[in-house]
Amino acid sequence: MDKQWVKILAESRLEDGQWKQTNPNVPREVGRSSILKTIAELNMELRDAIQVFNDHCKKEKKMSIFPIHGKDNETLSGFVVVVGRLQLQVLQHQAQINVQISRMQGFQQRSEILHTLEAHCDPFGGISWIMDQKSIMTKDMLVKQLLHDICHEAYLSEW
């Protein structure tokens, strides 16, 4: 449970149909901080999910995950999941995450964007991700979607 969100809600008041906080910067900062931590948290959760997947799949289905660092080589800006000749690249730039699939066809690499996710911050600093301008996603749902995407593509071309 997001206890910080509950705390901000408890400290808020409703005026003329709008939520007001004593310090309106607090929910914005909480939301901003949460957005900045998203890719690292997704990386860790997906890494755990891939470990479980690999423990229960056939050898040819095993996946690997590799970090993608920003220009400073310290900040994680994304990651890539690899299975066979497929790569699922997940990159975050500020409040947007792009998911791209790349596959080798002969000697050419073909890429396409699968999803674009935009962060939405509610009045209490809670973050949800809007996928392809229609689906509201939590981090747990994002992990499942990413695994589904790479497995779906792998079944069509690799397995």
Protein backbone atom coordinates (compact mmCIF):
# COMPACT_ATOMS: atom_id res chain seq x y z
CA MET A 1 0.00 0.00 0.00
CA ASP A 2 1.15 3.52 -0.78
CA LYS A 3 1.17 4.99 2.74
CA GLN A 4 2.46 8.36 1.51
CA TRP A 5 -0.62 8.66 -0.73
CA VAL A 6 -2.91 7.87 2.21
CA LYS A 7 -1.08 10.43 4.39
CA ILE A 8 -1.48 13.17 1.76
CA LEU A 9 -5.19 12.29 1.37
CA ALA A 10 -5.68 12.49 5.15
CA GLU A 11 -4.01 15.92 5.25
CA SER A 12 -6.03 17.27 2.28
CA ARG A 13 -9.35 19.08 2.20
CA LEU A 14 -11.98 19.41 -0.51
CA GLU A 15 -12.81 23.00 -1.52
CA ASP A 16 -15.19 23.81 -4.38
CA GLY A 17 -14.78 20.30 -5.77
CA GLN A 18 -10.97 20.48 -5.80
CA TRP A 19 -8.54 18.78 -3.44
CA LYS A 20 -6.29 21.24 -1.63
CA GLN A 21 -3.17 20.52 0.37
CA THR A 22 -1.47 22.69 2.96
CA ASN A 23 1.69 22.40 0.87
CA PRO A 24 0.72 21.71 -2.78
CA ASN A 25 4.35 20.96 -3.66
CA VAL A 26 4.34 17.77 -1.55
CA PRO A 27 2.14 15.64 -3.87
CA ARG A 28 4.01 16.95 -6.93
CA GLU A 29 7.37 16.03 -5.41
CA VAL A 30 6.10 12.62 -4.29
CA GLY A 31 4.77 11.97 -7.80
CA ARG A 32 7.96 13.23 -9.46
CA SER A 33 10.10 11.03 -7.21
CA SER A 34 7.90 8.02 -7.95
CA ILE A 35 8.15 8.62 -11.72
CA LEU A 36 11.94 8.85 -11.53
CA LYS A 37 12.13 5.52 -9.65
CA THR A 38 9.78 3.69 -12.02
CA ILE A 39 12.28 2.26 -14.51
CA ALA A 40 14.57 0.95 -11.74
CA GLU A 41 11.62 -0.65 -9.94
CA LEU A 42 10.29 -2.15 -13.20
CA ASN A 43 13.77 -3.50 -13.95
CA MET A 44 13.98 -5.23 -10.56
CA GLU A 45 10.44 -6.64 -10.71
CA LEU A 46 10.89 -7.86 -14.28
CA ARG A 47 14.27 -9.36 -13.37
CA ASP A 48 12.53 -11.36 -10.59
CA ALA A 49 9.73 -12.42 -12.95
CA ILE A 50 12.24 -13.52 -15.61
CA GLN A 51 14.05 -15.62 -13.01
CA VAL A 52 10.80 -17.42 -12.17
CA PHE A 53 10.04 -17.80 -15.89
CA ASN A 54 13.50 -19.23 -16.61
CA ASP A 55 13.21 -21.65 -13.68
CA HIS A 56 10.07 -23.15 -15.25
CA CYS A 57 10.66 -23.03 -19.01
CA LYS A 58 12.58 -25.08 -21.55
CA LYS A 59 16.15 -24.04 -22.27
CA GLU A 60 15.37 -22.47 -25.66
CA LYS A 61 12.81 -20.16 -24.02
CA LYS A 62 15.17 -18.66 -21.44
CA MET A 63 15.29 -14.87 -21.29
CA SER A 64 17.99 -12.43 -20.27
CA ILE A 65 17.67 -8.83 -19.11
CA PHE A 66 20.34 -6.14 -19.45
CA PRO A 67 20.39 -2.58 -18.11
CA ILE A 68 20.60 0.50 -20.32
CA HIS A 69 22.33 3.41 -18.62
CA GLY A 70 22.03 7.11 -19.37
CA LYS A 71 24.82 9.39 -20.50
CA ASP A 72 26.32 9.57 -17.01
CA ASN A 73 26.59 5.74 -16.87
CA GLU A 74 25.08 5.83 -13.38
CA THR A 75 21.41 6.48 -14.03
CA LEU A 76 19.34 3.57 -15.30
CA SER A 77 17.33 4.82 -18.28
CA GLY A 78 15.92 1.48 -19.34
CA PHE A 79 16.58 -2.18 -19.99
CA VAL A 80 16.43 -4.74 -22.76
CA VAL A 81 14.96 -8.25 -22.52
CA VAL A 82 16.50 -10.76 -24.93
CA VAL A 83 15.18 -14.13 -26.06
CA GLY A 84 16.69 -15.70 -29.15
CA ARG A 85 16.83 -13.05 -31.88
CA LEU A 86 14.21 -10.86 -30.20
CA GLN A 87 14.86 -7.81 -28.06
CA LEU A 88 12.28 -5.93 -26.04
CA GLN A 89 13.67 -2.51 -25.21
CA VAL A 90 12.08 -0.40 -22.47
CA LEU A 91 13.31 3.19 -22.17
CA GLN A 92 12.11 5.97 -19.90
CA HIS A 93 12.49 9.64 -20.70
CA GLN A 94 11.07 11.80 -17.91
CA ALA A 95 7.35 10.92 -17.61
CA GLN A 96 7.20 8.70 -20.70
CA ILE A 97 8.18 5.07 -21.24
CA ASN A 98 8.59 3.61 -24.73
CA VAL A 99 8.48 -0.14 -25.37
CA GLN A 100 10.02 -1.31 -28.62
CA ILE A 101 10.46 -4.79 -30.07
CA SER A 102 13.35 -5.60 -32.39
CA ARG A 103 13.79 -8.80 -34.35
CA MET A 104 16.45 -10.02 -36.73
CA GLN A 105 15.11 -11.03 -40.13
CA GLY A 106 17.95 -12.33 -42.24
CA PHE A 107 20.67 -9.73 -41.92
CA GLN A 108 18.29 -6.88 -41.10
CA GLN A 109 17.03 -5.71 -37.76
CA ARG A 110 13.39 -4.63 -37.78
CA SER A 111 12.00 -2.56 -34.93
CA GLU A 112 8.56 -1.32 -34.01
CA ILE A 113 7.15 0.58 -31.07
CA LEU A 114 4.71 -1.63 -29.16
CA HIS A 115 3.60 0.77 -26.44
CA THR A 116 3.96 4.32 -25.24
CA LEU A 117 3.22 4.95 -21.58
CA GLU A 118 2.55 8.38 -20.10
CA ALA A 119 2.68 9.03 -16.35
CA HIS A 120 -0.39 10.51 -14.69
CA CYS A 121 -0.09 12.03 -11.22
CA ASP A 122 -3.27 12.24 -9.14
CA PRO A 123 -3.88 15.05 -6.58
CA PHE A 124 -2.20 13.00 -3.83
CA GLY A 125 1.03 12.11 -5.64
CA GLY A 126 -0.09 8.67 -6.81
CA ILE A 127 1.21 7.59 -10.21
CA SER A 128 -0.53 5.52 -12.83
CA TRP A 129 0.72 4.86 -16.33
CA ILE A 130 -1.56 5.33 -19.33
CA MET A 131 -0.60 2.80 -22.00
CA ASP A 132 -1.28 3.75 -25.62
CA GLN A 133 -3.67 6.50 -24.46
CA LYS A 134 -6.26 3.99 -23.27
CA SER A 135 -5.24 1.52 -20.56
CA ILE A 136 -4.35 2.48 -17.00
CA MET A 137 -1.45 0.33 -15.83
CA THR A 138 0.13 -0.32 -12.45
CA LYS A 139 3.75 -1.49 -12.20
CA ASP A 140 2.55 -5.06 -11.60
CA MET A 141 0.41 -4.92 -14.74
CA LEU A 142 3.34 -3.46 -16.70
CA VAL A 143 5.59 -6.38 -15.75
CA LYS A 144 2.93 -8.85 -16.91
CA GLN A 145 2.38 -6.91 -20.14
CA LEU A 146 6.11 -6.84 -20.93
CA LEU A 147 6.43 -10.59 -20.32
CA HIS A 148 3.35 -11.23 -22.43
CA ASP A 149 4.71 -9.06 -25.27
CA ILE A 150 8.09 -10.80 -25.48
CA CYS A 151 6.54 -14.29 -25.15
CA HIS A 152 3.91 -13.52 -27.79
CA GLU A 153 6.55 -12.34 -30.26
CA ALA A 154 8.81 -15.29 -29.42
CA TYR A 155 6.01 -17.80 -30.04
CA LEU A 156 5.34 -16.20 -33.42
CA SER A 157 8.96 -16.21 -34.56
CA GLU A 158 11.34 -18.10 -32.27
CA TRP A 159 9.74 -21.02 -30.47
